Structure formats: C-alpha cells, structure tokens
Amino acid sequence: MLEFIVKYWLEALFGLILTGLSFLVRRLFQDAKAARRTADAVQAGIRCMLRDRIIHSCEKYVGLGCCPLSVRESMEEMHAAYRALGGNGAIDHIVAELNRLPTMKKEDYIR
C-alpha cells in the first residue's frame, strides 16, 4: 500500500505542484508585460506633453522676439527630459531658435 502511495500519489502531487508553479510564473510574466506596456504609455504621454509645452513656449517667445533667462533655463531642462524620454531631434531646431533670442528681465515680460 505504501508503494502505491509513493509511486502514484507523489507523482500526482508533484505534477500539481509543477502545474501551479508554471501558472504562477506565467502570471508573473503577464503582469510584468502589462506593467511595461503601462510604463511605455506613461513615458509616451509625458514626452508628448513636454513636446507640446516646448513648442508652445518657443512659439510664444519667438513671437515676442526675446526670452527671459528663467524660461530659457526651464526650456533646457524640459528639452533634456524630452531627449532622455526618447524624443527625436525635431525639437532641437526649435529650442536652438529660442536660445538665439536675446534675454530680457522678468519685469519686462510681466504685464
């Protein structure tokens, strides 16, 4: 009787354990893949918002013909973050155009 239990029931028990472990591993991989997709979507969203903000600010200050130093510093930080998030070089030209503008004091652009 003990032989029967050892031979068949232990095999069945190990089979169930392996099935459960493989299910858990598969679930972990699916969760990791879903988390990666979510992180990619968040990254793309942040990159789009940075791009929009950079373009908006550049258009505004190029239209004014000058740019405050504080905006220029913020623009450099946003541009660096945009590039770090995988942004392409299309924004480089716009930011370079902003950097060529003369600076002005903060009081001059507050109305």
PDB file of N, CA and C in Angstrom:
ATOM      1  N   MET A   1       0.811  -1.190   0.000  1.00  0.00           N
ATOM      2  CA  MET A   1       0.000   0.000   0.000  1.00  0.00           C
ATOM      3  C   MET A   1       0.862   1.265   0.000  1.00  0.00           C
ATOM      4  N   LEU A   2       1.914   1.259   0.803  1.00  0.00           N
ATOM      5  CA  LEU A   2       2.813   2.402   0.864  1.00  0.00           C
ATOM      6  C   LEU A   2       3.488   2.624  -0.488  1.00  0.00           C
ATOM      7  N   GLU A   3       3.805   1.525  -1.180  1.00  0.00           N
ATOM      8  CA  GLU A   3       4.399   1.654  -2.510  1.00  0.00           C
ATOM      9  C   GLU A   3       3.456   2.345  -3.481  1.00  0.00           C
ATOM     10  N   PHE A   4       2.195   1.988  -3.421  1.00  0.00           N
ATOM     11  CA  PHE A   4       1.192   2.597  -4.291  1.00  0.00           C
ATOM     12  C   PHE A   4       1.111   4.108  -4.040  1.00  0.00           C
ATOM     13  N   ILE A   5       1.080   4.501  -2.776  1.00  0.00           N
ATOM     14  CA  ILE A   5       1.003   5.932  -2.421  1.00  0.00           C
ATOM     15  C   ILE A   5       2.248   6.658  -2.910  1.00  0.00           C
ATOM     16  N   VAL A   6       3.403   6.074  -2.656  1.00  0.00           N
ATOM     17  CA  VAL A   6       4.653   6.708  -3.054  1.00  0.00           C
ATOM     18  C   VAL A   6       4.740   6.805  -4.574  1.00  0.00           C
ATOM     19  N   LYS A   7       4.358   5.767  -5.265  1.00  0.00           N
ATOM     20  CA  LYS A   7       4.525   5.722  -6.707  1.00  0.00           C
ATOM     21  C   LYS A   7       3.541   6.635  -7.433  1.00  0.00           C
ATOM     22  N   TYR A   8       2.283   6.590  -7.081  1.00  0.00           N
ATOM     23  CA  TYR A   8       1.272   7.314  -7.856  1.00  0.00           C
ATOM     24  C   TYR A   8       0.842   8.651  -7.239  1.00  0.00           C
ATOM     25  N   TRP A   9       0.622   8.655  -5.959  1.00  0.00           N
ATOM     26  CA  TRP A   9       0.141   9.891  -5.334  1.00  0.00           C
ATOM     27  C   TRP A   9       1.231  10.965  -5.269  1.00  0.00           C
ATOM     28  N   LEU A  10       2.453  10.560  -5.038  1.00  0.00           N
ATOM     29  CA  LEU A  10       3.531  11.549  -5.029  1.00  0.00           C
ATOM     30  C   LEU A  10       3.762  12.110  -6.424  1.00  0.00           C
ATOM     31  N   GLU A  11       3.638  11.262  -7.449  1.00  0.00           N
ATOM     32  CA  GLU A  11       3.754  11.754  -8.818  1.00  0.00           C
ATOM     33  C   GLU A  11       2.644  12.758  -9.126  1.00  0.00           C
ATOM     34  N   ALA A  12       1.445  12.432  -8.704  1.00  0.00           N
ATOM     35  CA  ALA A  12       0.322  13.340  -8.921  1.00  0.00           C
ATOM     36  C   ALA A  12       0.528  14.642  -8.142  1.00  0.00           C
ATOM     37  N   LEU A  13       1.005  14.540  -6.921  1.00  0.00           N
ATOM     38  CA  LEU A  13       1.256  15.726  -6.100  1.00  0.00           C
ATOM     39  C   LEU A  13       2.321  16.611  -6.736  1.00  0.00           C
ATOM     40  N   PHE A  14       3.416  16.021  -7.170  1.00  0.00           N
ATOM     41  CA  PHE A  14       4.459  16.809  -7.832  1.00  0.00           C
ATOM     42  C   PHE A  14       3.953  17.414  -9.139  1.00  0.00           C
ATOM     43  N   GLY A  15       3.123  16.690  -9.849  1.00  0.00           N
ATOM     44  CA  GLY A  15       2.528  17.216 -11.079  1.00  0.00           C
ATOM     45  C   GLY A  15       1.671  18.440 -10.790  1.00  0.00           C
ATOM     46  N   LEU A  16       0.877  18.372  -9.726  1.00  0.00           N
ATOM     47  CA  LEU A  16       0.055  19.520  -9.348  1.00  0.00           C
ATOM     48  C   LEU A  16       0.914  20.703  -8.906  1.00  0.00           C
ATOM     49  N   ILE A  17       1.978  20.420  -8.167  1.00  0.00           N
ATOM     50  CA  ILE A  17       2.878  21.485  -7.722  1.00  0.00           C
ATOM     51  C   ILE A  17       3.528  22.157  -8.925  1.00  0.00           C
ATOM     52  N   LEU A  18       4.020  21.366  -9.882  1.00  0.00           N
ATOM     53  CA  LEU A  18       4.635  21.939 -11.079  1.00  0.00           C
ATOM     54  C   LEU A  18       3.625  22.725 -11.911  1.00  0.00           C
ATOM     55  N   THR A  19       2.403  22.224 -11.995  1.00  0.00           N
ATOM     56  CA  THR A  19       1.361  22.955 -12.718  1.00  0.00           C
ATOM     57  C   THR A  19       1.090  24.299 -12.052  1.00  0.00           C
ATOM     58  N   GLY A  20       1.002  24.306 -10.746  1.00  0.00           N
ATOM     59  CA  GLY A  20       0.775  25.549 -10.004  1.00  0.00           C
ATOM     60  C   GLY A  20       1.931  26.517 -10.168  1.00  0.00           C
ATOM     61  N   LEU A  21       3.158  26.018 -10.098  1.00  0.00           N
ATOM     62  CA  LEU A  21       4.321  26.884 -10.281  1.00  0.00           C
ATOM     63  C   LEU A  21       4.380  27.465 -11.689  1.00  0.00           C
ATOM     64  N   SER A  22       4.082  26.638 -12.680  1.00  0.00           N
ATOM     65  CA  SER A  22       4.108  27.152 -14.057  1.00  0.00           C
ATOM     66  C   SER A  22       3.010  28.196 -14.260  1.00  0.00           C
ATOM     67  N   PHE A  23       1.856  28.010 -13.617  1.00  0.00           N
ATOM     68  CA  PHE A  23       0.801  29.004 -13.693  1.00  0.00           C
ATOM     69  C   PHE A  23       1.257  30.316 -13.061  1.00  0.00           C
ATOM     70  N   LEU A  24       1.909  30.246 -11.904  1.00  0.00           N
ATOM     71  CA  LEU A  24       2.396  31.453 -11.232  1.00  0.00           C
ATOM     72  C   LEU A  24       3.454  32.179 -12.059  1.00  0.00           C
ATOM     73  N   VAL A  25       4.378  31.427 -12.635  1.00  0.00           N
ATOM     74  CA  VAL A  25       5.422  32.041 -13.454  1.00  0.00           C
ATOM     75  C   VAL A  25       4.808  32.719 -14.674  1.00  0.00           C
ATOM     76  N   ARG A  26       3.869  32.052 -15.299  1.00  0.00           N
ATOM     77  CA  ARG A  26       3.197  32.633 -16.464  1.00  0.00           C
ATOM     78  C   ARG A  26       2.460  33.914 -16.076  1.00  0.00           C
ATOM     79  N   ARG A  27       1.803  33.879 -14.940  1.00  0.00           N
ATOM     80  CA  ARG A  27       1.076  35.059 -14.452  1.00  0.00           C
ATOM     81  C   ARG A  27       2.035  36.215 -14.165  1.00  0.00           C
ATOM     82  N   LEU A  28       3.184  35.918 -13.582  1.00  0.00           N
ATOM     83  CA  LEU A  28       4.168  36.956 -13.300  1.00  0.00           C
ATOM     84  C   LEU A  28       4.679  37.597 -14.590  1.00  0.00           C
ATOM     85  N   PHE A  29       4.943  36.780 -15.601  1.00  0.00           N
ATOM     86  CA  PHE A  29       5.388  37.316 -16.881  1.00  0.00           C
ATOM     87  C   PHE A  29       4.303  38.177 -17.533  1.00  0.00           C
ATOM     88  N   GLN A  30       3.056  37.762 -17.442  1.00  0.00           N
ATOM     89  CA  GLN A  30       1.961  38.559 -18.000  1.00  0.00           C
ATOM     90  C   GLN A  30       1.831  39.893 -17.260  1.00  0.00           C
ATOM     91  N   ASP A  31       1.936  39.865 -15.937  1.00  0.00           N
ATOM     92  CA  ASP A  31       1.859  41.095 -15.153  1.00  0.00           C
ATOM     93  C   ASP A  31       3.021  42.030 -15.485  1.00  0.00           C
ATOM     94  N   ALA A  32       4.220  41.463 -15.634  1.00  0.00           N
ATOM     95  CA  ALA A  32       5.383  42.286 -15.973  1.00  0.00           C
ATOM     96  C   ALA A  32       5.211  42.910 -17.356  1.00  0.00           C
ATOM     97  N   LYS A  33       4.668  42.162 -18.288  1.00  0.00           N
ATOM     98  CA  LYS A  33       4.445  42.676 -19.632  1.00  0.00           C
ATOM     99  C   LYS A  33       3.397  43.795 -19.614  1.00  0.00           C
ATOM    100  N   ALA A  34       2.339  43.625 -18.841  1.00  0.00           N
ATOM    101  CA  ALA A  34       1.312  44.664 -18.730  1.00  0.00           C
ATOM    102  C   ALA A  34       1.877  45.914 -18.060  1.00  0.00           C
ATOM    103  N   ALA A  35       2.710  45.734 -17.036  1.00  0.00           N
ATOM    104  CA  ALA A  35       3.327  46.880 -16.363  1.00  0.00           C
ATOM    105  C   ALA A  35       4.252  47.624 -17.324  1.00  0.00           C
ATOM    106  N   ARG A  36       4.966  46.891 -18.146  1.00  0.00           N
ATOM    107  CA  ARG A  36       5.863  47.525 -19.120  1.00  0.00           C
ATOM    108  C   ARG A  36       5.066  48.326 -20.153  1.00  0.00           C
ATOM    109  N   ARG A  37       3.943  47.771 -20.614  1.00  0.00           N
ATOM    110  CA  ARG A  37       3.097  48.498 -21.567  1.00  0.00           C
ATOM    111  C   ARG A  37       2.563  49.786 -20.937  1.00  0.00           C
ATOM    112  N   THR A  38       2.163  49.714 -19.679  1.00  0.00           N
ATOM    113  CA  THR A  38       1.675  50.896 -18.977  1.00  0.00           C
ATOM    114  C   THR A  38       2.782  51.933 -18.831  1.00  0.00           C
ATOM    115  N   ALA A  39       3.975  51.485 -18.448  1.00  0.00           N
ATOM    116  CA  ALA A  39       5.107  52.405 -18.295  1.00  0.00           C
ATOM    117  C   ALA A  39       5.457  53.048 -19.632  1.00  0.00           C
ATOM    118  N   ASP A  40       5.408  52.290 -20.702  1.00  0.00           N
ATOM    119  CA  ASP A  40       5.677  52.845 -22.037  1.00  0.00           C
ATOM    120  C   ASP A  40       4.637  53.898 -22.413  1.00  0.00           C
ATOM    121  N   ALA A  41       3.369  53.633 -22.073  1.00  0.00           N
ATOM    122  CA  ALA A  41       2.312  54.598 -22.386  1.00  0.00           C
ATOM    123  C   ALA A  41       2.486  55.883 -21.579  1.00  0.00           C
ATOM    124  N   VAL A  42       2.847  55.754 -20.309  1.00  0.00           N
ATOM    125  CA  VAL A  42       3.078  56.936 -19.473  1.00  0.00           C
ATOM    126  C   VAL A  42       4.261  57.731 -20.009  1.00  0.00           C
ATOM    127  N   GLN A  43       5.319  57.041 -20.382  1.00  0.00           N
ATOM    128  CA  GLN A  43       6.500  57.703 -20.939  1.00  0.00           C
ATOM    129  C   GLN A  43       6.145  58.446 -22.224  1.00  0.00           C
ATOM    130  N   ALA A  44       5.379  57.813 -23.085  1.00  0.00           N
ATOM    131  CA  ALA A  44       4.979  58.463 -24.337  1.00  0.00           C
ATOM    132  C   ALA A  44       4.099  59.676 -24.051  1.00  0.00           C
ATOM    133  N   GLY A  45       3.220  59.575 -23.067  1.00  0.00           N
ATOM    134  CA  GLY A  45       2.366  60.702 -22.709  1.00  0.00           C
ATOM    135  C   GLY A  45       3.165  61.880 -22.182  1.00  0.00           C
ATOM    136  N   ILE A  46       4.118  61.604 -21.314  1.00  0.00           N
ATOM    137  CA  ILE A  46       4.967  62.671 -20.777  1.00  0.00           C
ATOM    138  C   ILE A  46       5.786  63.308 -21.895  1.00  0.00           C
ATOM    139  N   ARG A  47       6.304  62.483 -22.791  1.00  0.00           N
ATOM    140  CA  ARG A  47       7.079  63.002 -23.914  1.00  0.00           C
ATOM    141  C   ARG A  47       6.213  63.923 -24.787  1.00  0.00           C
ATOM    142  N   CYS A  48       4.953  63.527 -25.024  1.00  0.00           N
ATOM    143  CA  CYS A  48       4.047  64.361 -25.820  1.00  0.00           C
ATOM    144  C   CYS A  48       3.751  65.680 -25.121  1.00  0.00           C
ATOM    145  N   MET A  49       3.541  65.644 -23.817  1.00  0.00           N
ATOM    146  CA  MET A  49       3.265  66.883 -23.085  1.00  0.00           C
ATOM    147  C   MET A  49       4.477  67.802 -23.079  1.00  0.00           C
ATOM    148  N   LEU A  50       5.671  67.239 -22.918  1.00  0.00           N
ATOM    149  CA  LEU A  50       6.874  68.056 -22.976  1.00  0.00           C
ATOM    150  C   LEU A  50       7.037  68.686 -24.357  1.00  0.00           C
ATOM    151  N   ARG A  51       6.812  67.889 -25.378  1.00  0.00           N
ATOM    152  CA  ARG A  51       6.924  68.404 -26.754  1.00  0.00           C
ATOM    153  C   ARG A  51       5.956  69.561 -26.974  1.00  0.00           C
ATOM    154  N   ASP A  52       4.714  69.395 -26.537  1.00  0.00           N
ATOM    155  CA  ASP A  52       3.715  70.434 -26.700  1.00  0.00           C
ATOM    156  C   ASP A  52       4.109  71.700 -25.940  1.00  0.00           C
ATOM    157  N   ARG A  53       4.582  71.536 -24.727  1.00  0.00           N
ATOM    158  CA  ARG A  53       4.970  72.694 -23.913  1.00  0.00           C
ATOM    159  C   ARG A  53       6.176  73.414 -24.516  1.00  0.00           C
ATOM    160  N   ILE A  54       7.134  72.650 -25.007  1.00  0.00           N
ATOM    161  CA  ILE A  54       8.318  73.251 -25.632  1.00  0.00           C
ATOM    162  C   ILE A  54       7.902  74.050 -26.874  1.00  0.00           C
ATOM    163  N   ILE A  55       7.082  73.452 -27.715  1.00  0.00           N
ATOM    164  CA  ILE A  55       6.654  74.128 -28.944  1.00  0.00           C
ATOM    165  C   ILE A  55       5.854  75.390 -28.603  1.00  0.00           C
ATOM    166  N   HIS A  56       4.937  75.273 -27.645  1.00  0.00           N
ATOM    167  CA  HIS A  56       4.118  76.427 -27.261  1.00  0.00           C
ATOM    168  C   HIS A  56       4.983  77.572 -26.741  1.00  0.00           C
ATOM    169  N   SER A  57       5.908  77.262 -25.837  1.00  0.00           N
ATOM    170  CA  SER A  57       6.764  78.309 -25.274  1.00  0.00           C
ATOM    171  C   SER A  57       7.660  78.927 -26.334  1.00  0.00           C
ATOM    172  N   CYS A  58       8.220  78.102 -27.185  1.00  0.00           N
ATOM    173  CA  CYS A  58       9.099  78.629 -28.228  1.00  0.00           C
ATOM    174  C   CYS A  58       8.340  79.550 -29.175  1.00  0.00           C
ATOM    175  N   GLU A  59       7.149  79.141 -29.584  1.00  0.00           N
ATOM    176  CA  GLU A  59       6.354  79.991 -30.472  1.00  0.00           C
ATOM    177  C   GLU A  59       6.032  81.325 -29.800  1.00  0.00           C
ATOM    178  N   LYS A  60       5.709  81.272 -28.509  1.00  0.00           N
ATOM    179  CA  LYS A  60       5.365  82.496 -27.788  1.00  0.00           C
ATOM    180  C   LYS A  60       6.543  83.468 -27.750  1.00  0.00           C
ATOM    181  N   TYR A  61       7.710  82.978 -27.333  1.00  0.00           N
ATOM    182  CA  TYR A  61       8.844  83.875 -27.144  1.00  0.00           C
ATOM    183  C   TYR A  61       9.536  84.248 -28.451  1.00  0.00           C
ATOM    184  N   VAL A  62       9.477  83.393 -29.443  1.00  0.00           N
ATOM    185  CA  VAL A  62      10.000  83.777 -30.755  1.00  0.00           C
ATOM    186  C   VAL A  62       9.121  84.892 -31.314  1.00  0.00           C
ATOM    187  N   GLY A  63       7.811  84.797 -31.065  1.00  0.00           N
ATOM    188  CA  GLY A  63       6.899  85.860 -31.491  1.00  0.00           C
ATOM    189  C   GLY A  63       7.173  87.177 -30.779  1.00  0.00           C
ATOM    190  N   LEU A  64       7.582  87.095 -29.501  1.00  0.00           N
ATOM    191  CA  LEU A  64       7.917  88.311 -28.757  1.00  0.00           C
ATOM    192  C   LEU A  64       9.276  88.875 -29.172  1.00  0.00           C
ATOM    193  N   GLY A  65      10.132  88.022 -29.678  1.00  0.00           N
ATOM    194  CA  GLY A  65      11.456  88.461 -30.106  1.00  0.00           C
ATOM    195  C   GLY A  65      12.504  88.447 -29.013  1.00  0.00           C
ATOM    196  N   CYS A  66      12.146  88.005 -27.822  1.00  0.00           N
ATOM    197  CA  CYS A  66      13.109  87.879 -26.729  1.00  0.00           C
ATOM    198  C   CYS A  66      12.594  86.826 -25.748  1.00  0.00           C
ATOM    199  N   CYS A  67      13.492  86.367 -24.896  1.00  0.00           N
ATOM    200  CA  CYS A  67      13.149  85.280 -23.985  1.00  0.00           C
ATOM    201  C   CYS A  67      13.797  85.520 -22.626  1.00  0.00           C
ATOM    202  N   PRO A  68      13.034  85.435 -21.540  1.00  0.00           N
ATOM    203  CA  PRO A  68      13.629  85.604 -20.220  1.00  0.00           C
ATOM    204  C   PRO A  68      14.575  84.448 -19.895  1.00  0.00           C
ATOM    205  N   LEU A  69      15.541  84.737 -19.084  1.00  0.00           N
ATOM    206  CA  LEU A  69      16.525  83.730 -18.704  1.00  0.00           C
ATOM    207  C   LEU A  69      15.872  82.554 -17.980  1.00  0.00           C
ATOM    208  N   SER A  70      14.892  82.831 -17.135  1.00  0.00           N
ATOM    209  CA  SER A  70      14.217  81.760 -16.399  1.00  0.00           C
ATOM    210  C   SER A  70      13.508  80.795 -17.346  1.00  0.00           C
ATOM    211  N   VAL A  71      12.908  81.315 -18.393  1.00  0.00           N
ATOM    212  CA  VAL A  71      12.233  80.462 -19.378  1.00  0.00           C
ATOM    213  C   VAL A  71      13.262  79.649 -20.146  1.00  0.00           C
ATOM    214  N   ARG A  72      14.363  80.272 -20.482  1.00  0.00           N
ATOM    215  CA  ARG A  72      15.422  79.571 -21.214  1.00  0.00           C
ATOM    216  C   ARG A  72      15.969  78.404 -20.393  1.00  0.00           C
ATOM    217  N   GLU A  73      16.164  78.627 -19.082  1.00  0.00           N
ATOM    218  CA  GLU A  73      16.645  77.550 -18.210  1.00  0.00           C
ATOM    219  C   GLU A  73      15.616  76.433 -18.110  1.00  0.00           C
ATOM    220  N   SER A  74      14.347  76.794 -17.958  1.00  0.00           N
ATOM    221  CA  SER A  74      13.282  75.779 -17.917  1.00  0.00           C
ATOM    222  C   SER A  74      13.217  75.006 -19.224  1.00  0.00           C
ATOM    223  N   MET A  75      13.402  75.725 -20.320  1.00  0.00           N
ATOM    224  CA  MET A  75      13.356  75.083 -21.630  1.00  0.00           C
ATOM    225  C   MET A  75      14.492  74.078 -21.794  1.00  0.00           C
ATOM    226  N   GLU A  76      15.669  74.421 -21.292  1.00  0.00           N
ATOM    227  CA  GLU A  76      16.800  73.493 -21.363  1.00  0.00           C
ATOM    228  C   GLU A  76      16.512  72.230 -20.564  1.00  0.00           C
ATOM    229  N   GLU A  77      15.911  72.383 -19.385  1.00  0.00           N
ATOM    230  CA  GLU A  77      15.566  71.215 -18.568  1.00  0.00           C
ATOM    231  C   GLU A  77      14.495  70.359 -19.241  1.00  0.00           C
ATOM    232  N   MET A  78      13.476  71.024 -19.799  1.00  0.00           N
ATOM    233  CA  MET A  78      12.425  70.269 -20.493  1.00  0.00           C
ATOM    234  C   MET A  78      12.991  69.561 -21.730  1.00  0.00           C
ATOM    235  N   HIS A  79      13.874  70.231 -22.444  1.00  0.00           N
ATOM    236  CA  HIS A  79      14.464  69.629 -23.642  1.00  0.00           C
ATOM    237  C   HIS A  79      15.324  68.425 -23.267  1.00  0.00           C
ATOM    238  N   ALA A  80      16.088  68.536 -22.180  1.00  0.00           N
ATOM    239  CA  ALA A  80      16.902  67.400 -21.727  1.00  0.00           C
ATOM    240  C   ALA A  80      16.014  66.229 -21.311  1.00  0.00           C
ATOM    241  N   ALA A  81      14.920  66.514 -20.611  1.00  0.00           N
ATOM    242  CA  ALA A  81      13.996  65.448 -20.214  1.00  0.00           C
ATOM    243  C   ALA A  81      13.336  64.821 -21.439  1.00  0.00           C
ATOM    244  N   TYR A  82      12.971  65.654 -22.401  1.00  0.00           N
ATOM    245  CA  TYR A  82      12.364  65.172 -23.642  1.00  0.00           C
ATOM    246  C   TYR A  82      13.311  64.219 -24.369  1.00  0.00           C
ATOM    247  N   ARG A  83      14.564  64.607 -24.454  1.00  0.00           N
ATOM    248  CA  ARG A  83      15.558  63.745 -25.118  1.00  0.00           C
ATOM    249  C   ARG A  83      15.780  62.453 -24.331  1.00  0.00           C
ATOM    250  N   ALA A  84      15.811  62.559 -22.985  1.00  0.00           N
ATOM    251  CA  ALA A  84      16.016  61.368 -22.157  1.00  0.00           C
ATOM    252  C   ALA A  84      14.851  60.380 -22.279  1.00  0.00           C
ATOM    253  N   LEU A  85      13.670  60.887 -22.571  1.00  0.00           N
ATOM    254  CA  LEU A  85      12.498  60.021 -22.746  1.00  0.00           C
ATOM    255  C   LEU A  85      12.386  59.472 -24.156  1.00  0.00           C
ATOM    256  N   GLY A  86      13.409  59.714 -24.967  1.00  0.00           N
ATOM    257  CA  GLY A  86      13.414  59.147 -26.314  1.00  0.00           C
ATOM    258  C   GLY A  86      12.891  60.085 -27.378  1.00  0.00           C
ATOM    259  N   GLY A  87      12.782  61.361 -27.050  1.00  0.00           N
ATOM    260  CA  GLY A  87      12.320  62.324 -28.040  1.00  0.00           C
ATOM    261  C   GLY A  87      13.326  62.464 -29.171  1.00  0.00           C
ATOM    262  N   ASN A  88      12.816  62.727 -30.357  1.00  0.00           N
ATOM    263  CA  ASN A  88      13.693  62.832 -31.519  1.00  0.00           C
ATOM    264  C   ASN A  88      14.283  64.228 -31.625  1.00  0.00           C
ATOM    265  N   GLY A  89      15.029  64.473 -32.652  1.00  0.00           N
ATOM    266  CA  GLY A  89      15.729  65.740 -32.808  1.00  0.00           C
ATOM    267  C   GLY A  89      14.918  66.838 -33.452  1.00  0.00           C
ATOM    268  N   ALA A  90      13.645  66.604 -33.693  1.00  0.00           N
ATOM    269  CA  ALA A  90      12.817  67.621 -34.334  1.00  0.00           C
ATOM    270  C   ALA A  90      12.693  68.876 -33.472  1.00  0.00           C
ATOM    271  N   ILE A  91      12.748  68.730 -32.193  1.00  0.00           N
ATOM    272  CA  ILE A  91      12.609  69.856 -31.274  1.00  0.00           C
ATOM    273  C   ILE A  91      13.924  70.639 -31.167  1.00  0.00           C
ATOM    274  N   ASP A  92      15.034  70.017 -31.497  1.00  0.00           N
ATOM    275  CA  ASP A  92      16.340  70.676 -31.366  1.00  0.00           C
ATOM    276  C   ASP A  92      16.373  72.009 -32.113  1.00  0.00           C
ATOM    277  N   HIS A  93      15.832  72.037 -33.304  1.00  0.00           N
ATOM    278  CA  HIS A  93      15.834  73.252 -34.122  1.00  0.00           C
ATOM    279  C   HIS A  93      15.030  74.364 -33.442  1.00  0.00           C
ATOM    280  N   ILE A  94      13.890  74.006 -32.896  1.00  0.00           N
ATOM    281  CA  ILE A  94      13.018  74.988 -32.241  1.00  0.00           C
ATOM    282  C   ILE A  94      13.692  75.560 -31.000  1.00  0.00           C
ATOM    283  N   VAL A  95      14.297  74.678 -30.193  1.00  0.00           N
ATOM    284  CA  VAL A  95      14.972  75.131 -28.974  1.00  0.00           C
ATOM    285  C   VAL A  95      16.194  75.972 -29.327  1.00  0.00           C
ATOM    286  N   ALA A  96      16.915  75.604 -30.372  1.00  0.00           N
ATOM    287  CA  ALA A  96      18.073  76.394 -30.803  1.00  0.00           C
ATOM    288  C   ALA A  96      17.638  77.791 -31.232  1.00  0.00           C
ATOM    289  N   GLU A  97      16.492  77.867 -31.893  1.00  0.00           N
ATOM    290  CA  GLU A  97      15.965  79.170 -32.297  1.00  0.00           C
ATOM    291  C   GLU A  97      15.630  80.019 -31.071  1.00  0.00           C
ATOM    292  N   LEU A  98      15.069  79.401 -30.044  1.00  0.00           N
ATOM    293  CA  LEU A  98      14.766  80.115 -28.803  1.00  0.00           C
ATOM    294  C   LEU A  98      16.043  80.585 -28.121  1.00  0.00           C
ATOM    295  N   ASN A  99      17.068  79.751 -28.128  1.00  0.00           N
ATOM    296  CA  ASN A  99      18.326  80.101 -27.468  1.00  0.00           C
ATOM    297  C   ASN A  99      19.060  81.249 -28.170  1.00  0.00           C
ATOM    298  N   ARG A 100      18.765  81.472 -29.442  1.00  0.00           N
ATOM    299  CA  ARG A 100      19.388  82.587 -30.163  1.00  0.00           C
ATOM    300  C   ARG A 100      18.747  83.933 -29.826  1.00  0.00           C
ATOM    301  N   LEU A 101      17.578  83.905 -29.211  1.00  0.00           N
ATOM    302  CA  LEU A 101      16.890  85.153 -28.875  1.00  0.00           C
ATOM    303  C   LEU A 101      17.622  85.894 -27.761  1.00  0.00           C
ATOM    304  N   PRO A 102      17.536  87.208 -27.762  1.00  0.00           N
ATOM    305  CA  PRO A 102      18.127  87.962 -26.649  1.00  0.00           C
ATOM    306  C   PRO A 102      17.315  87.738 -25.375  1.00  0.00           C
ATOM    307  N   THR A 103      17.991  87.848 -24.231  1.00  0.00           N
ATOM    308  CA  THR A 103      17.297  87.667 -22.958  1.00  0.00           C
ATOM    309  C   THR A 103      16.694  88.992 -22.509  1.00  0.00           C
ATOM    310  N   MET A 104      15.758  88.891 -21.605  1.00  0.00           N
ATOM    311  CA  MET A 104      15.159  90.091 -21.030  1.00  0.00           C
ATOM    312  C   MET A 104      14.897  89.848 -19.559  1.00  0.00           C
ATOM    313  N   LYS A 105      14.701  90.894 -18.817  1.00  0.00           N
ATOM    314  CA  LYS A 105      14.437  90.778 -17.402  1.00  0.00           C
ATOM    315  C   LYS A 105      13.011  90.301 -17.180  1.00  0.00           C
ATOM    316  N   LYS A 106      12.786  89.657 -16.042  1.00  0.00           N
ATOM    317  CA  LYS A 106      11.469  89.138 -15.717  1.00  0.00           C
ATOM    318  C   LYS A 106      10.426  90.259 -15.676  1.00  0.00           C
ATOM    319  N   GLU A 107      10.800  91.417 -15.179  1.00  0.00           N
ATOM    320  CA  GLU A 107       9.865  92.536 -15.076  1.00  0.00           C
ATOM    321  C   GLU A 107       9.401  93.007 -16.449  1.00  0.00           C
ATOM    322  N   ASP A 108      10.235  92.820 -17.465  1.00  0.00           N
ATOM    323  CA  ASP A 108       9.928  93.311 -18.797  1.00  0.00           C
ATOM    324  C   ASP A 108       8.793  92.508 -19.464  1.00  0.00           C
ATOM    325  N   TYR A 109       8.645  91.240 -19.101  1.00  0.00           N
ATOM    326  CA  TYR A 109       7.634  90.442 -19.783  1.00  0.00           C
ATOM    327  C   TYR A 109       6.377  90.221 -18.943  1.00  0.00           C
ATOM    328  N   ILE A 110       6.350  90.694 -17.702  1.00  0.00           N
ATOM    329  CA  ILE A 110       5.145  90.625 -16.883  1.00  0.00           C
ATOM    330  C   ILE A 110       4.311  91.871 -17.160  1.00  0.00           C
ATOM    331  N   ARG A 111       3.097  91.644 -17.586  1.00  0.00           N
ATOM    332  CA  ARG A 111       2.238  92.791 -17.908  1.00  0.00           C
ATOM    333  C   ARG A 111       0.950  92.684 -17.168  1.00  0.00           C
TER     334      ARG A 111
END
